[in-house]
């Protein structure tokens, strides 16, 4: 199995990249990373040291996977977005991240065009957290709507994004607000019916994954293991 993981040049979310990489490689999958300019991506460093007072950082297990991942040849030698050939991959994994460096990845027309090719080829696509914005912004030329227009989908929920912003804004300003519009609101705007957006359980720490045909989506780092295992099940079914 061949998996593609696009990343921004800097500020990617540690858990949502390192955990899937580890679980995929444990299954013997070949993982290819991609960045805009084929330069090795940099993680959001606050997820290592702690966002505020040493808190809100990635868990120790995920950090250990990250340290292993950045030594791998596939991570050190990403391909350019423009060189992605969707026909070579079985799965597209779109991770998230909220720091401002993510905008390069979220706004890339090249990456959106490649995502459209995955969609048109009926490949399995996974997105977690802000990764669903890439899907929302990818337009299907057949109807001039987002490729998620008729899908059930999840992403970073408005309550989660709002809470993180409120408790940290006094110190970090808009660190947790990638854009003025909340992720959930942008995704909902691109759906036929806003009810297609799935927030999951009231307790956000209870893992949740939304599966709709070839699309697998989730909300935030706490969902990552369930999300990745759902992708693995899709690939191997």
Protein backbone atom coordinates (compact mmCIF):
# COMPACT_ATOMS: atom_id res chain seq x y z
CA UNK A 1 0.00 0.00 0.00
CA UNK A 2 1.22 3.50 -0.84
CA UNK A 3 0.20 6.50 1.25
CA UNK A 4 0.70 10.19 0.50
CA UNK A 5 0.93 12.76 3.31
CA UNK A 6 1.16 16.40 2.19
CA UNK A 7 2.49 18.93 4.71
CA UNK A 8 3.08 22.68 4.95
CA UNK A 9 6.68 23.83 5.04
CA UNK A 10 6.25 24.56 8.73
CA UNK A 11 3.69 24.41 11.59
CA UNK A 12 2.14 20.98 10.95
CA UNK A 13 0.34 19.20 13.79
CA UNK A 14 2.66 16.65 15.41
CA UNK A 15 0.22 13.94 16.51
CA UNK A 16 -1.84 13.96 13.31
CA UNK A 17 1.28 13.28 11.25
CA UNK A 18 3.53 11.14 13.45
CA UNK A 19 0.90 8.68 14.69
CA UNK A 20 -0.49 7.84 11.22
CA UNK A 21 3.07 7.57 9.86
CA UNK A 22 3.96 5.09 12.61
CA UNK A 23 0.81 2.98 12.23
CA UNK A 24 1.08 2.95 8.44
CA UNK A 25 4.74 1.93 8.43
CA UNK A 26 4.08 -0.78 11.03
CA UNK A 27 1.66 -2.30 8.51
CA UNK A 28 4.37 -2.23 5.86
CA UNK A 29 2.87 0.64 3.87
CA UNK A 30 5.15 2.93 1.90
CA UNK A 31 4.65 6.53 3.02
CA UNK A 32 5.58 9.51 0.84
CA UNK A 33 5.63 13.04 2.24
CA UNK A 34 5.10 16.11 0.10
CA UNK A 35 5.74 19.82 0.67
CA UNK A 36 5.34 22.82 -1.61
CA UNK A 37 9.06 23.11 -2.36
CA UNK A 38 10.31 19.60 -1.41
CA UNK A 39 12.06 21.06 1.66
CA UNK A 40 11.78 19.01 4.87
CA UNK A 41 8.73 20.19 6.83
CA UNK A 42 8.97 21.71 10.30
CA UNK A 43 6.55 20.91 13.09
CA UNK A 44 4.71 23.48 15.19
CA UNK A 45 7.33 23.64 17.96
CA UNK A 46 4.79 24.58 20.62
CA UNK A 47 3.44 21.05 20.37
CA UNK A 48 6.80 19.83 21.67
CA UNK A 49 7.50 22.41 24.38
CA UNK A 50 3.92 23.17 25.38
CA UNK A 51 1.54 25.81 24.11
CA UNK A 52 1.22 27.64 27.41
CA UNK A 53 2.95 26.93 30.74
CA UNK A 54 4.17 23.64 29.29
CA UNK A 55 0.59 22.45 28.71
CA UNK A 56 -1.39 21.49 25.59
CA UNK A 57 1.58 19.77 24.00
CA UNK A 58 1.59 16.45 22.18
CA UNK A 59 1.55 13.35 24.33
CA UNK A 60 4.83 11.60 25.08
CA UNK A 61 3.99 8.59 22.89
CA UNK A 62 3.25 10.80 19.88
CA UNK A 63 6.44 12.79 20.48
CA UNK A 64 8.45 9.56 20.50
CA UNK A 65 6.90 8.62 17.14
CA UNK A 66 7.72 12.10 15.83
CA UNK A 67 11.38 11.77 16.82
CA UNK A 68 11.52 8.47 14.94
CA UNK A 69 9.68 9.85 11.93
CA UNK A 70 11.99 12.84 11.37
CA UNK A 71 14.94 10.46 11.05
CA UNK A 72 13.27 8.50 8.26
CA UNK A 73 14.37 8.98 4.68
CA UNK A 74 10.82 9.54 3.45
CA UNK A 75 10.38 12.46 5.82
CA UNK A 76 13.75 13.97 4.97
CA UNK A 77 13.11 13.80 1.23
CA UNK A 78 9.55 14.96 0.47
CA UNK A 79 8.38 15.48 -3.07
CA UNK A 80 6.93 18.75 -4.37
CA UNK A 81 3.17 19.22 -4.48
CA UNK A 82 3.39 19.67 -8.24
CA UNK A 83 5.12 16.29 -8.61
CA UNK A 84 2.38 14.30 -6.86
CA UNK A 85 1.01 11.56 -9.13
CA UNK A 86 -2.22 10.34 -7.49
CA UNK A 87 -2.20 7.18 -9.61
CA UNK A 88 0.77 5.94 -7.56
CA UNK A 89 -1.05 6.04 -4.21
CA UNK A 90 -3.84 4.12 -2.53
CA UNK A 91 -4.56 6.72 0.13
CA UNK A 92 -4.34 10.47 0.69
CA UNK A 93 -3.99 11.56 4.33
CA UNK A 94 -4.59 15.28 4.99
CA UNK A 95 -3.41 16.17 8.51
CA UNK A 96 -4.21 19.38 10.34
CA UNK A 97 -2.57 22.10 12.36
CA UNK A 98 -3.72 25.54 13.42
CA UNK A 99 -0.61 27.79 13.52
CA UNK A 100 -0.31 30.35 10.74
CA UNK A 101 2.23 28.33 8.72
CA UNK A 102 -0.63 25.99 7.83
CA UNK A 103 -2.06 28.58 5.45
CA UNK A 104 0.48 27.66 2.76
CA UNK A 105 -0.91 24.10 2.71
CA UNK A 106 -4.57 25.00 3.22
CA UNK A 107 -4.57 27.57 0.42
CA UNK A 108 -2.47 25.69 -2.15
CA UNK A 109 -4.28 25.47 -5.49
CA UNK A 110 -1.75 22.87 -6.58
CA UNK A 111 -2.59 20.64 -3.62
CA UNK A 112 -6.30 21.15 -4.23
CA UNK A 113 -5.85 20.08 -7.86
CA UNK A 114 -4.06 16.92 -6.74
CA UNK A 115 -6.76 16.25 -4.14
CA UNK A 116 -9.33 16.51 -6.92
CA UNK A 117 -7.44 13.84 -8.86
CA UNK A 118 -7.57 11.51 -5.86
CA UNK A 119 -11.31 12.17 -5.61
CA UNK A 120 -11.91 11.61 -9.33
CA UNK A 121 -9.92 8.36 -9.17
CA UNK A 122 -12.14 7.11 -6.34
CA UNK A 123 -9.15 6.77 -4.01
CA UNK A 124 -9.50 6.64 -0.23
CA UNK A 125 -9.11 10.11 1.29
CA UNK A 126 -8.64 10.88 4.97
CA UNK A 127 -8.64 14.29 6.64
CA UNK A 128 -8.41 15.29 10.28
CA UNK A 129 -8.86 18.66 11.99
CA UNK A 130 -7.91 21.51 9.59
CA UNK A 131 -7.17 18.93 6.89
CA UNK A 132 -10.88 18.99 6.03
CA UNK A 133 -10.45 22.59 4.85
CA UNK A 134 -8.39 21.26 1.93
CA UNK A 135 -11.35 19.09 0.97
CA UNK A 136 -13.83 21.94 1.40
CA UNK A 137 -11.76 24.16 -0.90
CA UNK A 138 -11.34 21.50 -3.60
CA UNK A 139 -13.93 22.19 -6.29
CA UNK A 140 -15.52 19.52 -8.46
CA UNK A 141 -15.68 20.97 -11.99
CA UNK A 142 -18.70 18.82 -12.82
CA UNK A 143 -20.98 20.87 -10.55
CA UNK A 144 -18.74 23.74 -9.38
CA UNK A 145 -19.29 22.57 -5.81
CA UNK A 146 -16.83 21.31 -3.21
CA UNK A 147 -15.99 17.62 -3.53
CA UNK A 148 -17.54 17.16 -0.05
CA UNK A 149 -20.84 18.75 -1.11
CA UNK A 150 -22.87 15.54 -0.64
CA UNK A 151 -20.70 13.85 2.02
CA UNK A 152 -21.00 13.43 5.74
CA UNK A 153 -17.83 14.90 7.21
CA UNK A 154 -16.09 15.92 10.40
CA UNK A 155 -13.35 18.44 11.16
CA UNK A 156 -12.20 20.57 14.06
CA UNK A 157 -15.44 21.56 15.76
CA UNK A 158 -16.36 25.13 16.61
CA UNK A 159 -16.58 24.47 20.38
CA UNK A 160 -13.08 22.95 20.42
CA UNK A 161 -11.54 25.75 18.35
CA UNK A 162 -13.34 28.43 20.35
CA UNK A 163 -12.32 26.96 23.72
CA UNK A 164 -8.64 26.69 22.75
CA UNK A 165 -8.67 30.29 21.54
CA UNK A 166 -10.40 31.65 24.64
CA UNK A 167 -8.05 30.03 27.15
CA UNK A 168 -4.86 31.04 25.32
CA UNK A 169 -5.63 34.34 23.58
CA UNK A 170 -4.47 36.45 26.54
CA UNK A 171 -0.97 35.05 26.00
CA UNK A 172 -0.80 33.94 22.36
CA UNK A 173 -3.34 36.11 20.58
CA UNK A 174 -4.82 34.36 17.53
CA UNK A 175 -2.48 31.36 17.63
CA UNK A 176 -5.51 29.02 17.69
CA UNK A 177 -7.40 30.97 15.01
CA UNK A 178 -5.91 30.07 11.66
CA UNK A 179 -8.59 32.17 9.95
CA UNK A 180 -11.27 34.58 11.18
CA UNK A 181 -13.86 31.96 10.18
CA UNK A 182 -14.05 28.81 12.29
CA UNK A 183 -13.12 25.55 10.58
CA UNK A 184 -16.57 24.06 11.19
CA UNK A 185 -18.29 27.08 9.65
CA UNK A 186 -16.19 26.96 6.48
CA UNK A 187 -16.75 23.25 6.03
CA UNK A 188 -20.49 23.60 6.59
CA UNK A 189 -20.68 26.37 3.96
CA UNK A 190 -19.53 23.86 1.39
CA UNK A 191 -22.09 21.18 2.19
CA UNK A 192 -25.51 20.66 0.66
CA UNK A 193 -26.94 20.54 4.19
CA UNK A 194 -25.08 21.74 7.33
CA UNK A 195 -26.42 18.66 9.14
CA UNK A 196 -23.93 16.61 7.12
CA UNK A 197 -21.26 17.98 9.46
CA UNK A 198 -20.70 15.60 12.38
CA UNK A 199 -19.39 16.89 15.72
CA UNK A 200 -19.20 13.48 17.35
CA UNK A 201 -19.78 12.93 21.04
CA UNK A 202 -20.51 15.61 23.63
CA UNK A 203 -17.35 14.50 25.41
CA UNK A 204 -14.69 15.41 22.83
CA UNK A 205 -12.16 13.10 24.50
CA UNK A 206 -14.23 10.11 23.39
CA UNK A 207 -12.67 9.24 20.00
CA UNK A 208 -14.87 9.83 16.98
CA UNK A 209 -14.47 9.09 13.28
CA UNK A 210 -16.86 9.91 10.45
CA UNK A 211 -16.85 7.41 7.58
CA UNK A 212 -18.75 8.08 4.37
CA UNK A 213 -17.87 5.78 1.47
CA UNK A 214 -14.23 6.51 0.54
CA UNK A 215 -13.96 9.51 2.89
CA UNK A 216 -12.71 9.18 6.48
CA UNK A 217 -12.59 12.30 8.67
CA UNK A 218 -12.05 13.22 12.30
CA UNK A 219 -11.90 16.26 14.59
CA UNK A 220 -8.62 16.66 16.46
CA UNK A 221 -5.53 14.84 17.83
CA UNK A 222 -7.54 12.82 20.36
CA UNK A 223 -9.19 11.02 17.42
CA UNK A 224 -5.97 10.17 15.62
CA UNK A 225 -5.60 6.49 16.54
CA UNK A 226 -9.23 5.67 15.73
CA UNK A 227 -9.03 7.70 12.53
CA UNK A 228 -5.85 5.99 11.34
CA UNK A 229 -7.16 2.53 12.14
CA UNK A 230 -10.34 3.36 10.20
CA UNK A 231 -8.16 4.25 7.19
CA UNK A 232 -6.22 1.00 7.56
CA UNK A 233 -9.47 -0.98 7.68
CA UNK A 234 -10.64 0.78 4.51
CA UNK A 235 -7.39 -0.03 2.73
CA UNK A 236 -7.40 -3.67 3.74
CA UNK A 237 -11.10 -4.42 3.30
